[in-house]
PDB file of N, CA and C in Angstrom:
ATOM      1  N   MET A   1     128.298 106.634 111.869  1.00  0.00           N
ATOM      2  CA  MET A   1     127.064 106.504 112.591  1.00  0.00           C
ATOM      3  C   MET A   1     126.596 105.058 112.439  1.00  0.00           C
ATOM      4  N   ARG A   2     126.110 104.472 113.492  1.00  0.00           N
ATOM      5  CA  ARG A   2     125.672 103.081 113.504  1.00  0.00           C
ATOM      6  C   ARG A   2     124.145 103.017 113.488  1.00  0.00           C
ATOM      7  N   LEU A   3     123.600 102.218 112.545  1.00  0.00           N
ATOM      8  CA  LEU A   3     122.159 102.032 112.461  1.00  0.00           C
ATOM      9  C   LEU A   3     121.889 100.728 111.740  1.00  0.00           C
ATOM     10  N   GLY A   4     121.110  99.861 112.350  1.00  0.00           N
ATOM     11  CA  GLY A   4     120.727  98.604 111.729  1.00  0.00           C
ATOM     12  C   GLY A   4     121.774  97.524 111.873  1.00  0.00           C
ATOM     13  N   THR A   5     121.439  96.358 111.356  1.00  0.00           N
ATOM     14  CA  THR A   5     122.361  95.227 111.384  1.00  0.00           C
ATOM     15  C   THR A   5     122.399  94.571 110.016  1.00  0.00           C
ATOM     16  N   HIS A   6     123.465  93.827 109.802  1.00  0.00           N
ATOM     17  CA  HIS A   6     123.656  93.082 108.561  1.00  0.00           C
ATOM     18  C   HIS A   6     123.840  91.617 108.927  1.00  0.00           C
ATOM     19  N   GLN A   7     123.152  90.722 108.224  1.00  0.00           N
ATOM     20  CA  GLN A   7     123.271  89.299 108.503  1.00  0.00           C
ATOM     21  C   GLN A   7     124.358  88.708 107.617  1.00  0.00           C
ATOM     22  N   LYS A   8     125.365  88.114 108.252  1.00  0.00           N
ATOM     23  CA  LYS A   8     126.458  87.472 107.522  1.00  0.00           C
ATOM     24  C   LYS A   8     125.988  86.125 106.984  1.00  0.00           C
ATOM     25  N   ALA A   9     126.802  85.517 106.150  1.00  0.00           N
ATOM     26  CA  ALA A   9     126.476  84.226 105.538  1.00  0.00           C
ATOM     27  C   ALA A   9     126.283  83.129 106.585  1.00  0.00           C
ATOM     28  N   ASP A  10     126.993  83.235 107.719  1.00  0.00           N
ATOM     29  CA  ASP A  10     126.854  82.206 108.758  1.00  0.00           C
ATOM     30  C   ASP A  10     125.676  82.468 109.696  1.00  0.00           C
ATOM     31  N   GLY A  11     124.898  83.524 109.451  1.00  0.00           N
ATOM     32  CA  GLY A  11     123.698  83.799 110.231  1.00  0.00           C
ATOM     33  C   GLY A  11     123.875  84.780 111.366  1.00  0.00           C
ATOM     34  N   THR A  12     125.090  85.202 111.647  1.00  0.00           N
ATOM     35  CA  THR A  12     125.301  86.167 112.724  1.00  0.00           C
ATOM     36  C   THR A  12     124.969  87.570 112.239  1.00  0.00           C
ATOM     37  N   HIS A  13     124.504  88.408 113.158  1.00  0.00           N
ATOM     38  CA  HIS A  13     124.166  89.800 112.848  1.00  0.00           C
ATOM     39  C   HIS A  13     125.288  90.701 113.351  1.00  0.00           C
ATOM     40  N   VAL A  14     125.728  91.600 112.487  1.00  0.00           N
ATOM     41  CA  VAL A  14     126.750  92.578 112.853  1.00  0.00           C
ATOM     42  C   VAL A  14     126.182  93.968 112.627  1.00  0.00           C
ATOM     43  N   PRO A  15     126.586  94.956 113.441  1.00  0.00           N
ATOM     44  CA  PRO A  15     126.059  96.310 113.261  1.00  0.00           C
ATOM     45  C   PRO A  15     126.547  96.930 111.955  1.00  0.00           C
ATOM     46  N   MET A  16     125.689  97.767 111.365  1.00  0.00           N
ATOM     47  CA  MET A  16     126.055  98.484 110.141  1.00  0.00           C
ATOM     48  C   MET A  16     126.491  99.892 110.503  1.00  0.00           C
ATOM     49  N   TRP A  17     127.584 100.326 109.911  1.00  0.00           N
ATOM     50  CA  TRP A  17     128.088 101.673 110.110  1.00  0.00           C
ATOM     51  C   TRP A  17     127.900 102.461 108.821  1.00  0.00           C
ATOM     52  N   HIS A  18     127.429 103.693 108.953  1.00  0.00           N
ATOM     53  CA  HIS A  18     127.182 104.566 107.813  1.00  0.00           C
ATOM     54  C   HIS A  18     128.131 105.756 107.881  1.00  0.00           C
ATOM     55  N   ASP A  19     128.469 106.296 106.708  1.00  0.00           N
ATOM     56  CA  ASP A  19     129.427 107.393 106.634  1.00  0.00           C
ATOM     57  C   ASP A  19     128.909 108.691 107.237  1.00  0.00           C
ATOM     58  N   SER A  20     127.594 108.888 107.224  1.00  0.00           N
ATOM     59  CA  SER A  20     127.037 110.141 107.736  1.00  0.00           C
ATOM     60  C   SER A  20     125.627 109.906 108.248  1.00  0.00           C
ATOM     61  N   GLU A  21     125.070 110.926 108.888  1.00  0.00           N
ATOM     62  CA  GLU A  21     123.682 110.848 109.350  1.00  0.00           C
ATOM     63  C   GLU A  21     122.725 110.764 108.161  1.00  0.00           C
ATOM     64  N   VAL A  22     123.070 111.445 107.082  1.00  0.00           N
ATOM     65  CA  VAL A  22     122.235 111.406 105.887  1.00  0.00           C
ATOM     66  C   VAL A  22     122.182 109.990 105.329  1.00  0.00           C
ATOM     67  N   ALA A  23     123.314 109.305 105.305  1.00  0.00           N
ATOM     68  CA  ALA A  23     123.351 107.927 104.815  1.00  0.00           C
ATOM     69  C   ALA A  23     122.537 107.016 105.730  1.00  0.00           C
ATOM     70  N   ALA A  24     122.584 107.253 107.027  1.00  0.00           N
ATOM     71  CA  ALA A  24     121.797 106.448 107.967  1.00  0.00           C
ATOM     72  C   ALA A  24     120.302 106.686 107.768  1.00  0.00           C
ATOM     73  N   ILE A  25     119.912 107.926 107.547  1.00  0.00           N
ATOM     74  CA  ILE A  25     118.499 108.246 107.296  1.00  0.00           C
ATOM     75  C   ILE A  25     118.049 107.591 105.996  1.00  0.00           C
ATOM     76  N   ALA A  26     118.883 107.643 104.961  1.00  0.00           N
ATOM     77  CA  ALA A  26     118.546 107.006 103.686  1.00  0.00           C
ATOM     78  C   ALA A  26     118.374 105.506 103.867  1.00  0.00           C
ATOM     79  N   PHE A  27     119.234 104.874 104.664  1.00  0.00           N
ATOM     80  CA  PHE A  27     119.124 103.438 104.948  1.00  0.00           C
ATOM     81  C   PHE A  27     117.791 103.141 105.639  1.00  0.00           C
ATOM     82  N   ALA A  28     117.422 103.967 106.610  1.00  0.00           N
ATOM     83  CA  ALA A  28     116.157 103.763 107.326  1.00  0.00           C
ATOM     84  C   ALA A  28     114.964 103.939 106.380  1.00  0.00           C
ATOM     85  N   LEU A  29     114.999 104.945 105.522  1.00  0.00           N
ATOM     86  CA  LEU A  29     113.907 105.171 104.570  1.00  0.00           C
ATOM     87  C   LEU A  29     113.782 104.021 103.569  1.00  0.00           C
ATOM     88  N   GLN A  30     114.912 103.475 103.121  1.00  0.00           N
ATOM     89  CA  GLN A  30     114.873 102.336 102.207  1.00  0.00           C
ATOM     90  C   GLN A  30     114.203 101.138 102.866  1.00  0.00           C
ATOM     91  N   GLY A  31     114.482 100.921 104.145  1.00  0.00           N
ATOM     92  CA  GLY A  31     113.836  99.831 104.875  1.00  0.00           C
ATOM     93  C   GLY A  31     112.333 100.043 104.978  1.00  0.00           C
ATOM     94  N   ILE A  32     111.911 101.269 105.236  1.00  0.00           N
ATOM     95  CA  ILE A  32     110.486 101.578 105.326  1.00  0.00           C
ATOM     96  C   ILE A  32     109.811 101.330 103.987  1.00  0.00           C
ATOM     97  N   LEU A  33     110.438 101.790 102.893  1.00  0.00           N
ATOM     98  CA  LEU A  33     109.857 101.605 101.566  1.00  0.00           C
ATOM     99  C   LEU A  33     109.784 100.129 101.182  1.00  0.00           C
ATOM    100  N   GLU A  34     110.779  99.345 101.558  1.00  0.00           N
ATOM    101  CA  GLU A  34     110.743  97.909 101.268  1.00  0.00           C
ATOM    102  C   GLU A  34     109.602  97.224 102.012  1.00  0.00           C
ATOM    103  N   ARG A  35     109.413  97.595 103.281  1.00  0.00           N
ATOM    104  CA  ARG A  35     108.311  97.001 104.059  1.00  0.00           C
ATOM    105  C   ARG A  35     106.960  97.398 103.483  1.00  0.00           C
ATOM    106  N   ARG A  36     106.811  98.633 103.031  1.00  0.00           N
ATOM    107  CA  ARG A  36     105.557  99.069 102.420  1.00  0.00           C
ATOM    108  C   ARG A  36     105.302  98.332 101.110  1.00  0.00           C
ATOM    109  N   ALA A  37     106.358  98.128 100.318  1.00  0.00           N
ATOM    110  CA  ALA A  37     106.206  97.428  99.040  1.00  0.00           C
ATOM    111  C   ALA A  37     105.767  95.987  99.264  1.00  0.00           C
ATOM    112  N   GLN A  38     106.274  95.344 100.305  1.00  0.00           N
ATOM    113  CA  GLN A  38     105.877  93.975 100.612  1.00  0.00           C
ATOM    114  C   GLN A  38     104.424  93.926 101.059  1.00  0.00           C
ATOM    115  N   ALA A  39     103.972  94.942 101.765  1.00  0.00           N
ATOM    116  CA  ALA A  39     102.594  94.970 102.249  1.00  0.00           C
ATOM    117  C   ALA A  39     101.598  95.231 101.121  1.00  0.00           C
ATOM    118  N   VAL A  40     102.032  95.881 100.048  1.00  0.00           N
ATOM    119  CA  VAL A  40     101.146  96.253  98.953  1.00  0.00           C
ATOM    120  C   VAL A  40     101.076  95.166  97.878  1.00  0.00           C
ATOM    121  N   GLN A  41     101.790  94.089  98.024  1.00  0.00           N
ATOM    122  CA  GLN A  41     101.839  93.064  96.994  1.00  0.00           C
ATOM    123  C   GLN A  41     100.560  92.244  96.895  1.00  0.00           C
ATOM    124  N   ILE A  42      99.503  92.619  97.597  1.00  0.00           N
ATOM    125  CA  ILE A  42      98.205  91.968  97.475  1.00  0.00           C
ATOM    126  C   ILE A  42      97.655  92.320  96.098  1.00  0.00           C
ATOM    127  N   PRO A  43      97.175  91.344  95.319  1.00  0.00           N
ATOM    128  CA  PRO A  43      96.642  91.658  93.983  1.00  0.00           C
ATOM    129  C   PRO A  43      95.492  92.651  94.077  1.00  0.00           C
ATOM    130  N   HIS A  44      95.539  93.680  93.222  1.00  0.00           N
ATOM    131  CA  HIS A  44      94.507  94.720  93.253  1.00  0.00           C
ATOM    132  C   HIS A  44      93.148  94.185  92.822  1.00  0.00           C
ATOM    133  N   SER A  45      93.091  93.198  91.935  1.00  0.00           N
ATOM    134  CA  SER A  45      91.798  92.683  91.478  1.00  0.00           C
ATOM    135  C   SER A  45      91.056  91.998  92.618  1.00  0.00           C
ATOM    136  N   ALA A  46      91.754  91.235  93.442  1.00  0.00           N
ATOM    137  CA  ALA A  46      91.111  90.580  94.574  1.00  0.00           C
ATOM    138  C   ALA A  46      90.716  91.609  95.626  1.00  0.00           C
ATOM    139  N   HIS A  47      91.573  92.596  95.814  1.00  0.00           N
ATOM    140  CA  HIS A  47      91.305  93.630  96.817  1.00  0.00           C
ATOM    141  C   HIS A  47      90.128  94.498  96.395  1.00  0.00           C
ATOM    142  N   ALA A  48      90.037  94.831  95.114  1.00  0.00           N
ATOM    143  CA  ALA A  48      88.968  95.708  94.626  1.00  0.00           C
ATOM    144  C   ALA A  48      87.613  95.005  94.684  1.00  0.00           C
ATOM    145  N   SER A  49      87.591  93.693  94.495  1.00  0.00           N
ATOM    146  CA  SER A  49      86.315  92.992  94.520  1.00  0.00           C
ATOM    147  C   SER A  49      85.763  92.842  95.929  1.00  0.00           C
ATOM    148  N   THR A  50      86.626  92.847  96.937  1.00  0.00           N
ATOM    149  CA  THR A  50      86.156  92.660  98.307  1.00  0.00           C
ATOM    150  C   THR A  50      85.666  93.953  98.936  1.00  0.00           C
ATOM    151  N   GLN A  51      86.318  95.054  98.649  1.00  0.00           N
ATOM    152  CA  GLN A  51      85.870  96.321  99.224  1.00  0.00           C
ATOM    153  C   GLN A  51      86.271  97.464  98.317  1.00  0.00           C
ATOM    154  N   ALA A  52      85.464  98.517  98.325  1.00  0.00           N
ATOM    155  CA  ALA A  52      85.750  99.687  97.502  1.00  0.00           C
ATOM    156  C   ALA A  52      86.732 100.580  98.244  1.00  0.00           C
ATOM    157  N   GLU A  53      87.689 101.126  97.506  1.00  0.00           N
ATOM    158  CA  GLU A  53      88.661 102.021  98.116  1.00  0.00           C
ATOM    159  C   GLU A  53      88.078 103.419  98.201  1.00  0.00           C
ATOM    160  N   PRO A  54      88.224 104.083  99.352  1.00  0.00           N
ATOM    161  CA  PRO A  54      87.700 105.446  99.468  1.00  0.00           C
ATOM    162  C   PRO A  54      88.545 106.406  98.644  1.00  0.00           C
ATOM    163  N   GLU A  55      87.885 107.423  98.097  1.00  0.00           N
ATOM    164  CA  GLU A  55      88.606 108.427  97.332  1.00  0.00           C
ATOM    165  C   GLU A  55      89.298 109.383  98.288  1.00  0.00           C
ATOM    166  N   LEU A  56      90.568 109.667  97.996  1.00  0.00           N
ATOM    167  CA  LEU A  56      91.335 110.596  98.806  1.00  0.00           C
ATOM    168  C   LEU A  56      91.220 111.988  98.209  1.00  0.00           C
ATOM    169  N   PRO A  57      91.148 113.017  99.039  1.00  0.00           N
ATOM    170  CA  PRO A  57      91.102 114.370  98.488  1.00  0.00           C
ATOM    171  C   PRO A  57      92.426 114.698  97.808  1.00  0.00           C
ATOM    172  N   SER A  58      92.358 115.449  96.715  1.00  0.00           N
ATOM    173  CA  SER A  58      93.584 115.787  96.000  1.00  0.00           C
ATOM    174  C   SER A  58      94.404 116.757  96.849  1.00  0.00           C
ATOM    175  N   MET A  59      95.703 116.575  96.795  1.00  0.00           N
ATOM    176  CA  MET A  59      96.614 117.382  97.591  1.00  0.00           C
ATOM    177  C   MET A  59      97.229 118.468  96.707  1.00  0.00           C
ATOM    178  N   GLN A  60      96.400 119.363  96.164  1.00  0.00           N
ATOM    179  CA  GLN A  60      96.889 120.424  95.309  1.00  0.00           C
ATOM    180  C   GLN A  60      97.107 121.682  96.127  1.00  0.00           C
ATOM    181  N   MET A  61      98.041 122.488  95.634  1.00  0.00           N
ATOM    182  CA  MET A  61      98.303 123.757  96.282  1.00  0.00           C
ATOM    183  C   MET A  61      97.183 124.730  95.963  1.00  0.00           C
ATOM    184  N   PRO A  62      96.915 125.700  96.829  1.00  0.00           N
ATOM    185  CA  PRO A  62      95.906 126.695  96.499  1.00  0.00           C
ATOM    186  C   PRO A  62      96.390 127.542  95.313  1.00  0.00           C
ATOM    187  N   VAL A  63      95.475 127.879  94.404  1.00  0.00           N
ATOM    188  CA  VAL A  63      95.830 128.649  93.215  1.00  0.00           C
ATOM    189  C   VAL A  63      95.927 130.115  93.579  1.00  0.00           C
ATOM    190  N   MET A  64      97.040 130.746  93.199  1.00  0.00           N
ATOM    191  CA  MET A  64      97.245 132.164  93.441  1.00  0.00           C
ATOM    192  C   MET A  64      97.523 132.833  92.101  1.00  0.00           C
ATOM    193  N   ALA A  65      97.065 134.053  91.941  1.00  0.00           N
ATOM    194  CA  ALA A  65      97.267 134.783  90.696  1.00  0.00           C
ATOM    195  C   ALA A  65      98.732 135.166  90.553  1.00  0.00           C
ATOM    196  N   GLY A  66      99.242 135.072  89.332  1.00  0.00           N
ATOM    197  CA  GLY A  66     100.632 135.427  89.072  1.00  0.00           C
ATOM    198  C   GLY A  66     100.933 135.361  87.592  1.00  0.00           C
ATOM    199  N   LYS A  67     102.229 135.193  87.250  1.00  0.00           N
ATOM    200  CA  LYS A  67     102.642 135.089  85.852  1.00  0.00           C
ATOM    201  C   LYS A  67     102.186 133.762  85.270  1.00  0.00           C
ATOM    202  N   LYS A  68     102.268 133.646  83.927  1.00  0.00           N
ATOM    203  CA  LYS A  68     101.850 132.432  83.239  1.00  0.00           C
ATOM    204  C   LYS A  68     102.909 131.338  83.411  1.00  0.00           C
ATOM    205  N   CYS A  69     102.457 130.155  83.746  1.00  0.00           N
ATOM    206  CA  CYS A  69     103.333 128.996  83.944  1.00  0.00           C
ATOM    207  C   CYS A  69     103.654 128.368  82.592  1.00  0.00           C
ATOM    208  N   PRO A  70     104.940 128.105  82.294  1.00  0.00           N
ATOM    209  CA  PRO A  70     105.278 127.469  81.023  1.00  0.00           C
ATOM    210  C   PRO A  70     104.892 125.986  80.979  1.00  0.00           C
ATOM    211  N   GLU A  71     104.666 125.374  82.116  1.00  0.00           N
ATOM    212  CA  GLU A  71     104.314 123.954  82.177  1.00  0.00           C
ATOM    213  C   GLU A  71     102.826 123.714  81.934  1.00  0.00           C
ATOM    214  N   CYS A  72     101.967 124.372  82.715  1.00  0.00           N
ATOM    215  CA  CYS A  72     100.525 124.102  82.619  1.00  0.00           C
ATOM    216  C   CYS A  72      99.734 125.247  81.997  1.00  0.00           C
ATOM    217  N   GLY A  73     100.337 126.434  81.871  1.00  0.00           N
ATOM    218  CA  GLY A  73      99.668 127.556  81.240  1.00  0.00           C
ATOM    219  C   GLY A  73      98.810 128.389  82.177  1.00  0.00           C
ATOM    220  N   ALA A  74      98.682 127.983  83.435  1.00  0.00           N
ATOM    221  CA  ALA A  74      97.883 128.753  84.395  1.00  0.00           C
ATOM    222  C   ALA A  74      98.634 130.025  84.783  1.00  0.00           C
ATOM    223  N   HIS A  75      97.905 131.054  85.089  1.00  0.00           N
ATOM    224  CA  HIS A  75      98.514 132.293  85.567  1.00  0.00           C
ATOM    225  C   HIS A  75      98.656 132.193  87.084  1.00  0.00           C
ATOM    226  N   ALA A  76      99.604 131.370  87.500  1.00  0.00           N
ATOM    227  CA  ALA A  76      99.753 131.066  88.920  1.00  0.00           C
ATOM    228  C   ALA A  76     101.208 131.022  89.368  1.00  0.00           C
ATOM    229  N   MET A  77     102.146 131.636  88.617  1.00  0.00           N
ATOM    230  CA  MET A  77     103.559 131.638  88.995  1.00  0.00           C
ATOM    231  C   MET A  77     103.805 132.751  90.015  1.00  0.00           C
ATOM    232  N   ILE A  78     104.328 132.366  91.171  1.00  0.00           N
ATOM    233  CA  ILE A  78     104.675 133.327  92.214  1.00  0.00           C
ATOM    234  C   ILE A  78     106.121 133.112  92.616  1.00  0.00           C
ATOM    235  N   LYS A  79     106.696 134.057  93.340  1.00  0.00           N
ATOM    236  CA  LYS A  79     108.039 133.914  93.888  1.00  0.00           C
ATOM    237  C   LYS A  79     107.915 133.314  95.287  1.00  0.00           C
ATOM    238  N   LYS A  80     108.607 132.200  95.509  1.00  0.00           N
ATOM    239  CA  LYS A  80     108.618 131.578  96.825  1.00  0.00           C
ATOM    240  C   LYS A  80     110.041 131.180  97.136  1.00  0.00           C
ATOM    241  N   ASP A  81     110.585 131.697  98.214  1.00  0.00           N
ATOM    242  CA  ASP A  81     111.965 131.446  98.626  1.00  0.00           C
ATOM    243  C   ASP A  81     112.954 131.769  97.511  1.00  0.00           C
ATOM    244  N   GLY A  82     112.665 132.818  96.722  1.00  0.00           N
ATOM    245  CA  GLY A  82     113.557 133.245  95.659  1.00  0.00           C
ATOM    246  C   GLY A  82     113.414 132.480  94.359  1.00  0.00           C
ATOM    247  N   CYS A  83     112.472 131.561  94.281  1.00  0.00           N
ATOM    248  CA  CYS A  83     112.271 130.760  93.071  1.00  0.00           C
ATOM    249  C   CYS A  83     110.863 130.973  92.536  1.00  0.00           C
ATOM    250  N   ASP A  84     110.714 130.836  91.217  1.00  0.00           N
ATOM    251  CA  ASP A  84     109.387 130.879  90.606  1.00  0.00           C
ATOM    252  C   ASP A  84     108.702 129.548  90.867  1.00  0.00           C
ATOM    253  N   LEU A  85     107.472 129.587  91.403  1.00  0.00           N
ATOM    254  CA  LEU A  85     106.722 128.382  91.732  1.00  0.00           C
ATOM    255  C   LEU A  85     105.305 128.532  91.216  1.00  0.00           C
ATOM    256  N   CYS A  86     104.838 127.510  90.491  1.00  0.00           N
ATOM    257  CA  CYS A  86     103.456 127.510  90.022  1.00  0.00           C
ATOM    258  C   CYS A  86     102.585 126.896  91.109  1.00  0.00           C
ATOM    259  N   THR A  87     101.598 127.650  91.584  1.00  0.00           N
ATOM    260  CA  THR A  87     100.730 127.144  92.648  1.00  0.00           C
ATOM    261  C   THR A  87      99.654 126.217  92.089  1.00  0.00           C
ATOM    262  N   GLN A  88      99.568 126.092  90.775  1.00  0.00           N
ATOM    263  CA  GLN A  88      98.588 125.189  90.162  1.00  0.00           C
ATOM    264  C   GLN A  88      99.161 123.783  89.995  1.00  0.00           C
ATOM    265  N   CYS A  89     100.357 123.678  89.365  1.00  0.00           N
ATOM    266  CA  CYS A  89     100.904 122.348  89.056  1.00  0.00           C
ATOM    267  C   CYS A  89     102.157 122.016  89.838  1.00  0.00           C
ATOM    268  N   GLY A  90     102.751 122.974  90.555  1.00  0.00           N
ATOM    269  CA  GLY A  90     103.947 122.713  91.339  1.00  0.00           C
ATOM    270  C   GLY A  90     105.240 122.889  90.568  1.00  0.00           C
ATOM    271  N   TYR A  91     105.174 123.392  89.330  1.00  0.00           N
ATOM    272  CA  TYR A  91     106.369 123.609  88.502  1.00  0.00           C
ATOM    273  C   TYR A  91     107.307 124.556  89.212  1.00  0.00           C
ATOM    274  N   LEU A  92     108.604 124.210  89.245  1.00  0.00           N
ATOM    275  CA  LEU A  92     109.618 125.051  89.872  1.00  0.00           C
ATOM    276  C   LEU A  92     110.476 125.659  88.782  1.00  0.00           C
ATOM    277  N   GLY A  93     110.391 126.959  88.662  1.00  0.00           N
ATOM    278  CA  GLY A  93     111.121 127.659  87.603  1.00  0.00           C
ATOM    279  C   GLY A  93     112.467 128.130  88.071  1.00  0.00           C
ATOM    280  N   SER A  94     112.902 129.248  87.510  1.00  0.00           N
ATOM    281  CA  SER A  94     114.232 129.779  87.797  1.00  0.00           C
ATOM    282  C   SER A  94     114.310 130.319  89.220  1.00  0.00           C
ATOM    283  N   CYS A  95     115.483 130.202  89.778  1.00  0.00           N
ATOM    284  CA  CYS A  95     115.756 130.729  91.128  1.00  0.00           C
ATOM    285  C   CYS A  95     116.786 131.828  91.028  1.00  0.00           C
ATOM    286  N   GLY A  96     116.693 132.753  91.953  1.00  0.00           N
ATOM    287  CA  GLY A  96     117.725 133.775  91.987  1.00  0.00           C
ATOM    288  C   GLY A  96     117.217 135.164  91.867  1.00  0.00           C
TER     289      GLY A  96
END
């Protein structure tokens, strides 16, 4: 599968070939993460002094009654897709 280009030492761009679609998707995600990392390199002290950052709502799962979780101790372990899942902390237990 072909995705992206590679710059040779002489400055020419050649297409990049990947072994699978999964490898091509991983290549694309790595590029996205690199661009995000470059955008975030603004010092936090300068950024915090100019404007306050809004608080984001926590992205927690809804708590459901169930068995006791060995990770957080909440009684929130349920079966989801054949696996034990804690709806409080997201702990993934045994499957099967």
